[in-house]
Amino acid sequence: MPRYELSLILKAMQRPQVAAILRRSVETLISRGAVVRDLENLGERLLPYKIKKHRTTNVRGIYFLVDFYASPAILPALLDHLHRDVDVVRPTILKKDAEVSSRNCCGPEQ
């Protein structure tokens, strides 16, 4: 299974509500066959621009990164599910590259 990174921007809310949204999102991943490796909280920030989603205008958001392995076949349905979630402002999935070798790539080999 390829490795992916899910970038989530959630509505700015209180901690218990954010935990419930995260739990719901990660459970959706797991129920579709994904294996979650890591979850990273990047904190609450001002959005670079106003984002209108589900009849609300968001100016602040809480950023999270979810590192996971999954079949490419589940990604469209997963994104569709996350776009429909009223508490998720912006979901984005990126494919992570294989690990970069530690060899010096710019200089001559020694």
PDB file of N, CA and C in Angstrom:
ATOM      1  N   MET A   1       0.847  -1.190   0.000  1.00  0.00           N
ATOM      2  CA  MET A   1       0.000   0.000   0.000  1.00  0.00           C
ATOM      3  C   MET A   1       0.884   1.243   0.000  1.00  0.00           C
ATOM      4  N   PRO A   2       0.549   2.224  -0.812  1.00  0.00           N
ATOM      5  CA  PRO A   2       1.303   3.473  -0.822  1.00  0.00           C
ATOM      6  C   PRO A   2       1.075   4.285   0.456  1.00  0.00           C
ATOM      7  N   ARG A   3       1.994   5.183   0.716  1.00  0.00           N
ATOM      8  CA  ARG A   3       1.920   6.044   1.893  1.00  0.00           C
ATOM      9  C   ARG A   3       1.376   7.406   1.479  1.00  0.00           C
ATOM     10  N   TYR A   4       0.447   7.928   2.283  1.00  0.00           N
ATOM     11  CA  TYR A   4      -0.185   9.217   1.991  1.00  0.00           C
ATOM     12  C   TYR A   4      -0.151  10.104   3.225  1.00  0.00           C
ATOM     13  N   GLU A   5      -0.377  11.387   2.987  1.00  0.00           N
ATOM     14  CA  GLU A   5      -0.493  12.346   4.082  1.00  0.00           C
ATOM     15  C   GLU A   5      -1.790  13.127   3.871  1.00  0.00           C
ATOM     16  N   LEU A   6      -2.647  13.099   4.888  1.00  0.00           N
ATOM     17  CA  LEU A   6      -3.903  13.834   4.852  1.00  0.00           C
ATOM     18  C   LEU A   6      -3.714  15.120   5.631  1.00  0.00           C
ATOM     19  N   SER A   7      -3.879  16.229   4.958  1.00  0.00           N
ATOM     20  CA  SER A   7      -3.808  17.534   5.592  1.00  0.00           C
ATOM     21  C   SER A   7      -5.240  17.992   5.849  1.00  0.00           C
ATOM     22  N   LEU A   8      -5.563  18.212   7.113  1.00  0.00           N
ATOM     23  CA  LEU A   8      -6.913  18.626   7.489  1.00  0.00           C
ATOM     24  C   LEU A   8      -6.878  20.024   8.085  1.00  0.00           C
ATOM     25  N   ILE A   9      -7.783  20.859   7.644  1.00  0.00           N
ATOM     26  CA  ILE A   9      -8.030  22.134   8.314  1.00  0.00           C
ATOM     27  C   ILE A   9      -9.434  22.035   8.882  1.00  0.00           C
ATOM     28  N   LEU A  10      -9.529  22.112  10.199  1.00  0.00           N
ATOM     29  CA  LEU A  10     -10.807  22.011  10.884  1.00  0.00           C
ATOM     30  C   LEU A  10     -11.268  23.382  11.332  1.00  0.00           C
ATOM     31  N   LYS A  11     -12.568  23.524  11.555  1.00  0.00           N
ATOM     32  CA  LYS A  11     -13.099  24.760  12.112  1.00  0.00           C
ATOM     33  C   LYS A  11     -12.450  25.020  13.468  1.00  0.00           C
ATOM     34  N   ALA A  12     -12.273  26.276  13.805  1.00  0.00           N
ATOM     35  CA  ALA A  12     -11.743  26.631  15.118  1.00  0.00           C
ATOM     36  C   ALA A  12     -12.830  26.401  16.158  1.00  0.00           C
ATOM     37  N   MET A  13     -12.610  25.422  17.037  1.00  0.00           N
ATOM     38  CA  MET A  13     -13.584  25.048  18.070  1.00  0.00           C
ATOM     39  C   MET A  13     -12.849  24.743  19.362  1.00  0.00           C
ATOM     40  N   GLN A  14     -13.632  24.381  20.370  1.00  0.00           N
ATOM     41  CA  GLN A  14     -13.064  23.975  21.647  1.00  0.00           C
ATOM     42  C   GLN A  14     -12.424  22.594  21.512  1.00  0.00           C
ATOM     43  N   ARG A  15     -11.501  22.269  22.420  1.00  0.00           N
ATOM     44  CA  ARG A  15     -10.736  21.023  22.353  1.00  0.00           C
ATOM     45  C   ARG A  15     -11.596  19.749  22.307  1.00  0.00           C
ATOM     46  N   PRO A  16     -12.637  19.588  23.126  1.00  0.00           N
ATOM     47  CA  PRO A  16     -13.435  18.356  23.048  1.00  0.00           C
ATOM     48  C   PRO A  16     -14.110  18.156  21.688  1.00  0.00           C
ATOM     49  N   GLN A  17     -14.564  19.250  21.099  1.00  0.00           N
ATOM     50  CA  GLN A  17     -15.202  19.155  19.781  1.00  0.00           C
ATOM     51  C   GLN A  17     -14.183  18.785  18.711  1.00  0.00           C
ATOM     52  N   VAL A  18     -12.976  19.354  18.801  1.00  0.00           N
ATOM     53  CA  VAL A  18     -11.917  19.042  17.840  1.00  0.00           C
ATOM     54  C   VAL A  18     -11.522  17.577  17.956  1.00  0.00           C
ATOM     55  N   ALA A  19     -11.428  17.069  19.197  1.00  0.00           N
ATOM     56  CA  ALA A  19     -11.077  15.655  19.407  1.00  0.00           C
ATOM     57  C   ALA A  19     -12.137  14.743  18.786  1.00  0.00           C
ATOM     58  N   ALA A  20     -13.392  15.111  18.902  1.00  0.00           N
ATOM     59  CA  ALA A  20     -14.463  14.304  18.318  1.00  0.00           C
ATOM     60  C   ALA A  20     -14.383  14.296  16.786  1.00  0.00           C
ATOM     61  N   ILE A  21     -14.072  15.435  16.188  1.00  0.00           N
ATOM     62  CA  ILE A  21     -13.944  15.519  14.731  1.00  0.00           C
ATOM     63  C   ILE A  21     -12.765  14.677  14.261  1.00  0.00           C
ATOM     64  N   LEU A  22     -11.647  14.778  14.960  1.00  0.00           N
ATOM     65  CA  LEU A  22     -10.473  13.986  14.605  1.00  0.00           C
ATOM     66  C   LEU A  22     -10.745  12.495  14.730  1.00  0.00           C
ATOM     67  N   ARG A  23     -11.373  12.118  15.820  1.00  0.00           N
ATOM     68  CA  ARG A  23     -11.709  10.706  16.028  1.00  0.00           C
ATOM     69  C   ARG A  23     -12.590  10.206  14.886  1.00  0.00           C
ATOM     70  N   ARG A  24     -13.563  11.011  14.518  1.00  0.00           N
ATOM     71  CA  ARG A  24     -14.477  10.643  13.434  1.00  0.00           C
ATOM     72  C   ARG A  24     -13.715  10.483  12.109  1.00  0.00           C
ATOM     73  N   SER A  25     -12.786  11.391  11.840  1.00  0.00           N
ATOM     74  CA  SER A  25     -12.025  11.348  10.593  1.00  0.00           C
ATOM     75  C   SER A  25     -11.081  10.150  10.550  1.00  0.00           C
ATOM     76  N   VAL A  26     -10.386   9.886  11.649  1.00  0.00           N
ATOM     77  CA  VAL A  26      -9.453   8.759  11.695  1.00  0.00           C
ATOM     78  C   VAL A  26     -10.213   7.434  11.647  1.00  0.00           C
ATOM     79  N   GLU A  27     -11.361   7.350  12.310  1.00  0.00           N
ATOM     80  CA  GLU A  27     -12.173   6.134  12.242  1.00  0.00           C
ATOM     81  C   GLU A  27     -12.667   5.885  10.818  1.00  0.00           C
ATOM     82  N   THR A  28     -12.946   6.942  10.081  1.00  0.00           N
ATOM     83  CA  THR A  28     -13.340   6.801   8.681  1.00  0.00           C
ATOM     84  C   THR A  28     -12.193   6.197   7.870  1.00  0.00           C
ATOM     85  N   LEU A  29     -10.977   6.686   8.121  1.00  0.00           N
ATOM     86  CA  LEU A  29      -9.804   6.130   7.448  1.00  0.00           C
ATOM     87  C   LEU A  29      -9.661   4.640   7.744  1.00  0.00           C
ATOM     88  N   ILE A  30      -9.714   4.293   9.014  1.00  0.00           N
ATOM     89  CA  ILE A  30      -9.506   2.907   9.434  1.00  0.00           C
ATOM     90  C   ILE A  30     -10.616   2.001   8.908  1.00  0.00           C
ATOM     91  N   SER A  31     -11.856   2.481   8.929  1.00  0.00           N
ATOM     92  CA  SER A  31     -12.965   1.653   8.449  1.00  0.00           C
ATOM     93  C   SER A  31     -12.863   1.362   6.954  1.00  0.00           C
ATOM     94  N   ARG A  32     -12.140   2.196   6.227  1.00  0.00           N
ATOM     95  CA  ARG A  32     -11.967   1.984   4.785  1.00  0.00           C
ATOM     96  C   ARG A  32     -10.694   1.191   4.465  1.00  0.00           C
ATOM     97  N   GLY A  33     -10.005   0.720   5.502  1.00  0.00           N
ATOM     98  CA  GLY A  33      -8.848  -0.148   5.278  1.00  0.00           C
ATOM     99  C   GLY A  33      -7.503   0.532   5.371  1.00  0.00           C
ATOM    100  N   ALA A  34      -7.438   1.764   5.785  1.00  0.00           N
ATOM    101  CA  ALA A  34      -6.159   2.466   5.905  1.00  0.00           C
ATOM    102  C   ALA A  34      -5.473   2.103   7.216  1.00  0.00           C
ATOM    103  N   VAL A  35      -4.154   2.245   7.225  1.00  0.00           N
ATOM    104  CA  VAL A  35      -3.358   2.030   8.431  1.00  0.00           C
ATOM    105  C   VAL A  35      -2.739   3.378   8.786  1.00  0.00           C
ATOM    106  N   VAL A  36      -3.138   3.932   9.918  1.00  0.00           N
ATOM    107  CA  VAL A  36      -2.670   5.255  10.331  1.00  0.00           C
ATOM    108  C   VAL A  36      -1.330   5.112  11.047  1.00  0.00           C
ATOM    109  N   ARG A  37      -0.326   5.856  10.581  1.00  0.00           N
ATOM    110  CA  ARG A  37       1.004   5.826  11.176  1.00  0.00           C
ATOM    111  C   ARG A  37       1.191   6.907  12.224  1.00  0.00           C
ATOM    112  N   ASP A  38       0.727   8.115  11.916  1.00  0.00           N
ATOM    113  CA  ASP A  38       1.037   9.242  12.783  1.00  0.00           C
ATOM    114  C   ASP A  38      -0.035  10.319  12.630  1.00  0.00           C
ATOM    115  N   LEU A  39      -0.211  11.081  13.699  1.00  0.00           N
ATOM    116  CA  LEU A  39      -1.137  12.208  13.711  1.00  0.00           C
ATOM    117  C   LEU A  39      -0.399  13.378  14.333  1.00  0.00           C
ATOM    118  N   GLU A  40      -0.346  14.490  13.622  1.00  0.00           N
ATOM    119  CA  GLU A  40       0.404  15.646  14.099  1.00  0.00           C
ATOM    120  C   GLU A  40      -0.495  16.877  14.141  1.00  0.00           C
ATOM    121  N   ASN A  41      -0.499  17.553  15.282  1.00  0.00           N
ATOM    122  CA  ASN A  41      -1.265  18.778  15.456  1.00  0.00           C
ATOM    123  C   ASN A  41      -0.350  19.954  15.149  1.00  0.00           C
ATOM    124  N   LEU A  42      -0.716  20.762  14.164  1.00  0.00           N
ATOM    125  CA  LEU A  42       0.082  21.932  13.802  1.00  0.00           C
ATOM    126  C   LEU A  42      -0.465  23.210  14.424  1.00  0.00           C
ATOM    127  N   GLY A  43      -1.554  23.099  15.165  1.00  0.00           N
ATOM    128  CA  GLY A  43      -2.083  24.230  15.908  1.00  0.00           C
ATOM    129  C   GLY A  43      -3.124  25.047  15.160  1.00  0.00           C
ATOM    130  N   GLU A  44      -3.638  26.034  15.882  1.00  0.00           N
ATOM    131  CA  GLU A  44      -4.652  26.929  15.315  1.00  0.00           C
ATOM    132  C   GLU A  44      -3.957  28.136  14.701  1.00  0.00           C
ATOM    133  N   ARG A  45      -4.411  28.500  13.507  1.00  0.00           N
ATOM    134  CA  ARG A  45      -3.797  29.619  12.784  1.00  0.00           C
ATOM    135  C   ARG A  45      -4.868  30.397  12.021  1.00  0.00           C
ATOM    136  N   LEU A  46      -4.488  31.603  11.631  1.00  0.00           N
ATOM    137  CA  LEU A  46      -5.323  32.357  10.695  1.00  0.00           C
ATOM    138  C   LEU A  46      -5.206  31.691   9.332  1.00  0.00           C
ATOM    139  N   LEU A  47      -6.304  31.568   8.633  1.00  0.00           N
ATOM    140  CA  LEU A  47      -6.264  31.021   7.286  1.00  0.00           C
ATOM    141  C   LEU A  47      -5.665  32.068   6.347  1.00  0.00           C
ATOM    142  N   PRO A  48      -5.006  31.662   5.280  1.00  0.00           N
ATOM    143  CA  PRO A  48      -4.411  32.639   4.364  1.00  0.00           C
ATOM    144  C   PRO A  48      -5.450  33.516   3.671  1.00  0.00           C
ATOM    145  N   TYR A  49      -6.676  33.013   3.583  1.00  0.00           N
ATOM    146  CA  TYR A  49      -7.790  33.775   3.017  1.00  0.00           C
ATOM    147  C   TYR A  49      -9.079  33.192   3.588  1.00  0.00           C
ATOM    148  N   LYS A  50     -10.159  33.943   3.489  1.00  0.00           N
ATOM    149  CA  LYS A  50     -11.446  33.455   3.994  1.00  0.00           C
ATOM    150  C   LYS A  50     -11.901  32.270   3.154  1.00  0.00           C
ATOM    151  N   ILE A  51     -12.366  31.217   3.840  1.00  0.00           N
ATOM    152  CA  ILE A  51     -12.859  30.030   3.153  1.00  0.00           C
ATOM    153  C   ILE A  51     -14.322  29.836   3.524  1.00  0.00           C
ATOM    154  N   LYS A  52     -15.184  29.880   2.515  1.00  0.00           N
ATOM    155  CA  LYS A  52     -16.612  29.646   2.746  1.00  0.00           C
ATOM    156  C   LYS A  52     -16.882  28.159   2.552  1.00  0.00           C
ATOM    157  N   LYS A  53     -17.497  27.554   3.566  1.00  0.00           N
ATOM    158  CA  LYS A  53     -17.796  26.129   3.509  1.00  0.00           C
ATOM    159  C   LYS A  53     -19.065  25.882   4.297  1.00  0.00           C
ATOM    160  N   HIS A  54     -20.037  25.240   3.701  1.00  0.00           N
ATOM    161  CA  HIS A  54     -21.306  24.901   4.346  1.00  0.00           C
ATOM    162  C   HIS A  54     -21.969  26.127   4.984  1.00  0.00           C
ATOM    163  N   ARG A  55     -22.058  27.177   4.201  1.00  0.00           N
ATOM    164  CA  ARG A  55     -22.743  28.426   4.585  1.00  0.00           C
ATOM    165  C   ARG A  55     -22.101  29.180   5.741  1.00  0.00           C
ATOM    166  N   THR A  56     -20.842  28.912   6.032  1.00  0.00           N
ATOM    167  CA  THR A  56     -20.124  29.694   7.047  1.00  0.00           C
ATOM    168  C   THR A  56     -18.810  30.173   6.444  1.00  0.00           C
ATOM    169  N   THR A  57     -18.364  31.332   6.883  1.00  0.00           N
ATOM    170  CA  THR A  57     -17.091  31.880   6.452  1.00  0.00           C
ATOM    171  C   THR A  57     -16.082  31.657   7.563  1.00  0.00           C
ATOM    172  N   ASN A  58     -14.984  30.979   7.232  1.00  0.00           N
ATOM    173  CA  ASN A  58     -13.961  30.651   8.215  1.00  0.00           C
ATOM    174  C   ASN A  58     -12.738  31.535   8.005  1.00  0.00           C
ATOM    175  N   VAL A  59     -12.242  32.109   9.088  1.00  0.00           N
ATOM    176  CA  VAL A  59     -11.031  32.919   9.031  1.00  0.00           C
ATOM    177  C   VAL A  59      -9.908  32.291   9.859  1.00  0.00           C
ATOM    178  N   ARG A  60     -10.252  31.372  10.764  1.00  0.00           N
ATOM    179  CA  ARG A  60      -9.277  30.644  11.575  1.00  0.00           C
ATOM    180  C   ARG A  60      -9.519  29.150  11.386  1.00  0.00           C
ATOM    181  N   GLY A  61      -8.463  28.375  11.523  1.00  0.00           N
ATOM    182  CA  GLY A  61      -8.593  26.929  11.400  1.00  0.00           C
ATOM    183  C   GLY A  61      -7.548  26.211  12.221  1.00  0.00           C
ATOM    184  N   ILE A  62      -7.814  24.954  12.528  1.00  0.00           N
ATOM    185  CA  ILE A  62      -6.874  24.122  13.262  1.00  0.00           C
ATOM    186  C   ILE A  62      -6.315  23.111  12.269  1.00  0.00           C
ATOM    187  N   TYR A  63      -4.991  23.093  12.141  1.00  0.00           N
ATOM    188  CA  TYR A  63      -4.318  22.272  11.142  1.00  0.00           C
ATOM    189  C   TYR A  63      -3.837  20.954  11.744  1.00  0.00           C
ATOM    190  N   PHE A  64      -4.062  19.848  11.003  1.00  0.00           N
ATOM    191  CA  PHE A  64      -3.598  18.523  11.401  1.00  0.00           C
ATOM    192  C   PHE A  64      -3.018  17.809  10.197  1.00  0.00           C
ATOM    193  N   LEU A  65      -2.028  16.947  10.442  1.00  0.00           N
ATOM    194  CA  LEU A  65      -1.479  16.065   9.421  1.00  0.00           C
ATOM    195  C   LEU A  65      -1.668  14.631   9.882  1.00  0.00           C
ATOM    196  N   VAL A  66      -2.203  13.791   9.002  1.00  0.00           N
ATOM    197  CA  VAL A  66      -2.395  12.373   9.300  1.00  0.00           C
ATOM    198  C   VAL A  66      -1.582  11.593   8.272  1.00  0.00           C
ATOM    199  N   ASP A  67      -0.604  10.825   8.760  1.00  0.00           N
ATOM    200  CA  ASP A  67       0.252  10.003   7.923  1.00  0.00           C
ATOM    201  C   ASP A  67      -0.341   8.588   7.900  1.00  0.00           C
ATOM    202  N   PHE A  68      -0.623   8.039   6.708  1.00  0.00           N
ATOM    203  CA  PHE A  68      -1.280   6.729   6.653  1.00  0.00           C
ATOM    204  C   PHE A  68      -0.918   5.975   5.381  1.00  0.00           C
ATOM    205  N   TYR A  69      -1.142   4.651   5.438  1.00  0.00           N
ATOM    206  CA  TYR A  69      -1.011   3.772   4.286  1.00  0.00           C
ATOM    207  C   TYR A  69      -2.421   3.377   3.857  1.00  0.00           C
ATOM    208  N   ALA A  70      -2.662   3.368   2.553  1.00  0.00           N
ATOM    209  CA  ALA A  70      -3.988   2.988   2.063  1.00  0.00           C
ATOM    210  C   ALA A  70      -3.920   2.592   0.598  1.00  0.00           C
ATOM    211  N   SER A  71      -4.930   1.889   0.173  1.00  0.00           N
ATOM    212  CA  SER A  71      -5.089   1.550  -1.231  1.00  0.00           C
ATOM    213  C   SER A  71      -5.532   2.810  -1.981  1.00  0.00           C
ATOM    214  N   PRO A  72      -4.992   3.055  -3.165  1.00  0.00           N
ATOM    215  CA  PRO A  72      -5.409   4.231  -3.931  1.00  0.00           C
ATOM    216  C   PRO A  72      -6.900   4.236  -4.277  1.00  0.00           C
ATOM    217  N   ALA A  73      -7.531   3.078  -4.279  1.00  0.00           N
ATOM    218  CA  ALA A  73      -8.939   2.981  -4.658  1.00  0.00           C
ATOM    219  C   ALA A  73      -9.872   3.651  -3.646  1.00  0.00           C
ATOM    220  N   ILE A  74      -9.441   3.786  -2.384  1.00  0.00           N
ATOM    221  CA  ILE A  74     -10.337   4.364  -1.373  1.00  0.00           C
ATOM    222  C   ILE A  74     -10.270   5.887  -1.322  1.00  0.00           C
ATOM    223  N   LEU A  75      -9.290   6.486  -1.971  1.00  0.00           N
ATOM    224  CA  LEU A  75      -9.070   7.938  -1.828  1.00  0.00           C
ATOM    225  C   LEU A  75     -10.223   8.804  -2.334  1.00  0.00           C
ATOM    226  N   PRO A  76     -10.806   8.545  -3.504  1.00  0.00           N
ATOM    227  CA  PRO A  76     -11.916   9.411  -3.948  1.00  0.00           C
ATOM    228  C   PRO A  76     -13.109   9.397  -2.986  1.00  0.00           C
ATOM    229  N   ALA A  77     -13.478   8.214  -2.500  1.00  0.00           N
ATOM    230  CA  ALA A  77     -14.612   8.126  -1.571  1.00  0.00           C
ATOM    231  C   ALA A  77     -14.268   8.786  -0.236  1.00  0.00           C
ATOM    232  N   LEU A  78     -13.024   8.649   0.188  1.00  0.00           N
ATOM    233  CA  LEU A  78     -12.587   9.278   1.441  1.00  0.00           C
ATOM    234  C   LEU A  78     -12.655  10.797   1.331  1.00  0.00           C
ATOM    235  N   LEU A  79     -12.134  11.340   0.254  1.00  0.00           N
ATOM    236  CA  LEU A  79     -12.193  12.798   0.061  1.00  0.00           C
ATOM    237  C   LEU A  79     -13.627  13.291  -0.036  1.00  0.00           C
ATOM    238  N   ASP A  80     -14.474  12.547  -0.722  1.00  0.00           N
ATOM    239  CA  ASP A  80     -15.882  12.918  -0.827  1.00  0.00           C
ATOM    240  C   ASP A  80     -16.517  12.965   0.564  1.00  0.00           C
ATOM    241  N   HIS A  81     -16.225  11.973   1.386  1.00  0.00           N
ATOM    242  CA  HIS A  81     -16.763  11.930   2.751  1.00  0.00           C
ATOM    243  C   HIS A  81     -16.272  13.130   3.571  1.00  0.00           C
ATOM    244  N   LEU A  82     -14.982  13.445   3.463  1.00  0.00           N
ATOM    245  CA  LEU A  82     -14.432  14.563   4.236  1.00  0.00           C
ATOM    246  C   LEU A  82     -14.954  15.910   3.746  1.00  0.00           C
ATOM    247  N   HIS A  83     -15.180  16.055   2.445  1.00  0.00           N
ATOM    248  CA  HIS A  83     -15.735  17.306   1.919  1.00  0.00           C
ATOM    249  C   HIS A  83     -17.166  17.534   2.412  1.00  0.00           C
ATOM    250  N   ARG A  84     -17.880  16.456   2.684  1.00  0.00           N
ATOM    251  CA  ARG A  84     -19.260  16.574   3.170  1.00  0.00           C
ATOM    252  C   ARG A  84     -19.335  16.864   4.670  1.00  0.00           C
ATOM    253  N   ASP A  85     -18.251  16.619   5.394  1.00  0.00           N
ATOM    254  CA  ASP A  85     -18.228  16.859   6.841  1.00  0.00           C
ATOM    255  C   ASP A  85     -18.267  18.373   7.091  1.00  0.00           C
ATOM    256  N   VAL A  86     -19.247  18.836   7.844  1.00  0.00           N
ATOM    257  CA  VAL A  86     -19.436  20.272   8.054  1.00  0.00           C
ATOM    258  C   VAL A  86     -18.342  20.894   8.915  1.00  0.00           C
ATOM    259  N   ASP A  87     -17.593  20.096   9.654  1.00  0.00           N
ATOM    260  CA  ASP A  87     -16.550  20.628  10.521  1.00  0.00           C
ATOM    261  C   ASP A  87     -15.172  20.643   9.874  1.00  0.00           C
ATOM    262  N   VAL A  88     -15.038  20.021   8.710  1.00  0.00           N
ATOM    263  CA  VAL A  88     -13.767  20.012   7.987  1.00  0.00           C
ATOM    264  C   VAL A  88     -13.803  21.139   6.965  1.00  0.00           C
ATOM    265  N   VAL A  89     -12.883  22.087   7.111  1.00  0.00           N
ATOM    266  CA  VAL A  89     -12.835  23.229   6.197  1.00  0.00           C
ATOM    267  C   VAL A  89     -12.142  22.842   4.896  1.00  0.00           C
ATOM    268  N   ARG A  90     -11.006  22.133   4.993  1.00  0.00           N
ATOM    269  CA  ARG A  90     -10.262  21.776   3.788  1.00  0.00           C
ATOM    270  C   ARG A  90      -9.496  20.475   3.996  1.00  0.00           C
ATOM    271  N   PRO A  91      -9.882  19.389   3.319  1.00  0.00           N
ATOM    272  CA  PRO A  91      -9.080  18.162   3.342  1.00  0.00           C
ATOM    273  C   PRO A  91      -8.223  18.064   2.069  1.00  0.00           C
ATOM    274  N   THR A  92      -6.984  17.637   2.220  1.00  0.00           N
ATOM    275  CA  THR A  92      -6.099  17.449   1.079  1.00  0.00           C
ATOM    276  C   THR A  92      -5.283  16.185   1.307  1.00  0.00           C
ATOM    277  N   ILE A  93      -5.180  15.343   0.288  1.00  0.00           N
ATOM    278  CA  ILE A  93      -4.379  14.131   0.398  1.00  0.00           C
ATOM    279  C   ILE A  93      -3.215  14.230  -0.580  1.00  0.00           C
ATOM    280  N   LEU A  94      -2.012  13.990  -0.054  1.00  0.00           N
ATOM    281  CA  LEU A  94      -0.797  13.987  -0.865  1.00  0.00           C
ATOM    282  C   LEU A  94      -0.122  12.636  -0.748  1.00  0.00           C
ATOM    283  N   LYS A  95       0.423  12.152  -1.848  1.00  0.00           N
ATOM    284  CA  LYS A  95       1.174  10.904  -1.802  1.00  0.00           C
ATOM    285  C   LYS A  95       2.582  11.225  -1.337  1.00  0.00           C
ATOM    286  N   LYS A  96       3.058  10.470  -0.352  1.00  0.00           N
ATOM    287  CA  LYS A  96       4.407  10.685   0.166  1.00  0.00           C
ATOM    288  C   LYS A  96       5.387   9.866  -0.654  1.00  0.00           C
ATOM    289  N   ASP A  97       6.531  10.447  -0.929  1.00  0.00           N
ATOM    290  CA  ASP A  97       7.575   9.760  -1.686  1.00  0.00           C
ATOM    291  C   ASP A  97       8.266   8.724  -0.817  1.00  0.00           C
ATOM    292  N   ALA A  98       8.984   7.836  -1.475  1.00  0.00           N
ATOM    293  CA  ALA A  98       9.812   6.880  -0.743  1.00  0.00           C
ATOM    294  C   ALA A  98      10.892   7.665   0.004  1.00  0.00           C
ATOM    295  N   GLU A  99      11.450   7.036   0.998  1.00  0.00           N
ATOM    296  CA  GLU A  99      12.473   7.702   1.802  1.00  0.00           C
ATOM    297  C   GLU A  99      13.635   8.153   0.923  1.00  0.00           C
ATOM    298  N   VAL A 100      14.164   9.338   1.182  1.00  0.00           N
ATOM    299  CA  VAL A 100      15.291   9.886   0.442  1.00  0.00           C
ATOM    300  C   VAL A 100      16.564   9.257   0.984  1.00  0.00           C
ATOM    301  N   SER A 101      17.438   8.841   0.098  1.00  0.00           N
ATOM    302  CA  SER A 101      18.680   8.215   0.556  1.00  0.00           C
ATOM    303  C   SER A 101      19.570   9.248   1.225  1.00  0.00           C
ATOM    304  N   SER A 102      20.443   8.786   2.086  1.00  0.00           N
ATOM    305  CA  SER A 102      21.323   9.693   2.823  1.00  0.00           C
ATOM    306  C   SER A 102      22.593   9.993   2.041  1.00  0.00           C
ATOM    307  N   ARG A 103      22.721   9.456   0.830  1.00  0.00           N
ATOM    308  CA  ARG A 103      23.880   9.713  -0.009  1.00  0.00           C
ATOM    309  C   ARG A 103      23.921  11.167  -0.436  1.00  0.00           C
ATOM    310  N   ASN A 104      25.085  11.718  -0.544  1.00  0.00           N
ATOM    311  CA  ASN A 104      25.233  13.093  -1.009  1.00  0.00           C
ATOM    312  C   ASN A 104      24.926  13.130  -2.502  1.00  0.00           C
ATOM    313  N   CYS A 105      23.824  13.724  -2.886  1.00  0.00           N
ATOM    314  CA  CYS A 105      23.386  13.676  -4.279  1.00  0.00           C
ATOM    315  C   CYS A 105      23.962  14.801  -5.130  1.00  0.00           C
ATOM    316  N   CYS A 106      24.541  15.793  -4.529  1.00  0.00           N
ATOM    317  CA  CYS A 106      24.958  16.959  -5.301  1.00  0.00           C
ATOM    318  C   CYS A 106      26.442  16.972  -5.617  1.00  0.00           C
ATOM    319  N   GLY A 107      27.226  16.237  -4.877  1.00  0.00           N
ATOM    320  CA  GLY A 107      28.664  16.252  -5.084  1.00  0.00           C
ATOM    321  C   GLY A 107      29.159  14.951  -5.679  1.00  0.00           C
ATOM    322  N   PRO A 108      30.431  14.893  -5.985  1.00  0.00           N
ATOM    323  CA  PRO A 108      30.982  13.657  -6.550  1.00  0.00           C
ATOM    324  C   PRO A 108      31.000  12.545  -5.506  1.00  0.00           C
ATOM    325  N   GLU A 109      30.831  11.317  -5.998  1.00  0.00           N
ATOM    326  CA  GLU A 109      30.870  10.168  -5.096  1.00  0.00           C
ATOM    327  C   GLU A 109      32.300   9.907  -4.666  1.00  0.00           C
ATOM    328  N   GLN A 110      32.455   9.550  -3.408  1.00  0.00           N
ATOM    329  CA  GLN A 110      33.823   9.297  -2.912  1.00  0.00           C
ATOM    330  C   GLN A 110      33.953   7.897  -2.436  1.00  0.00           C
TER     331      GLN A 110
END
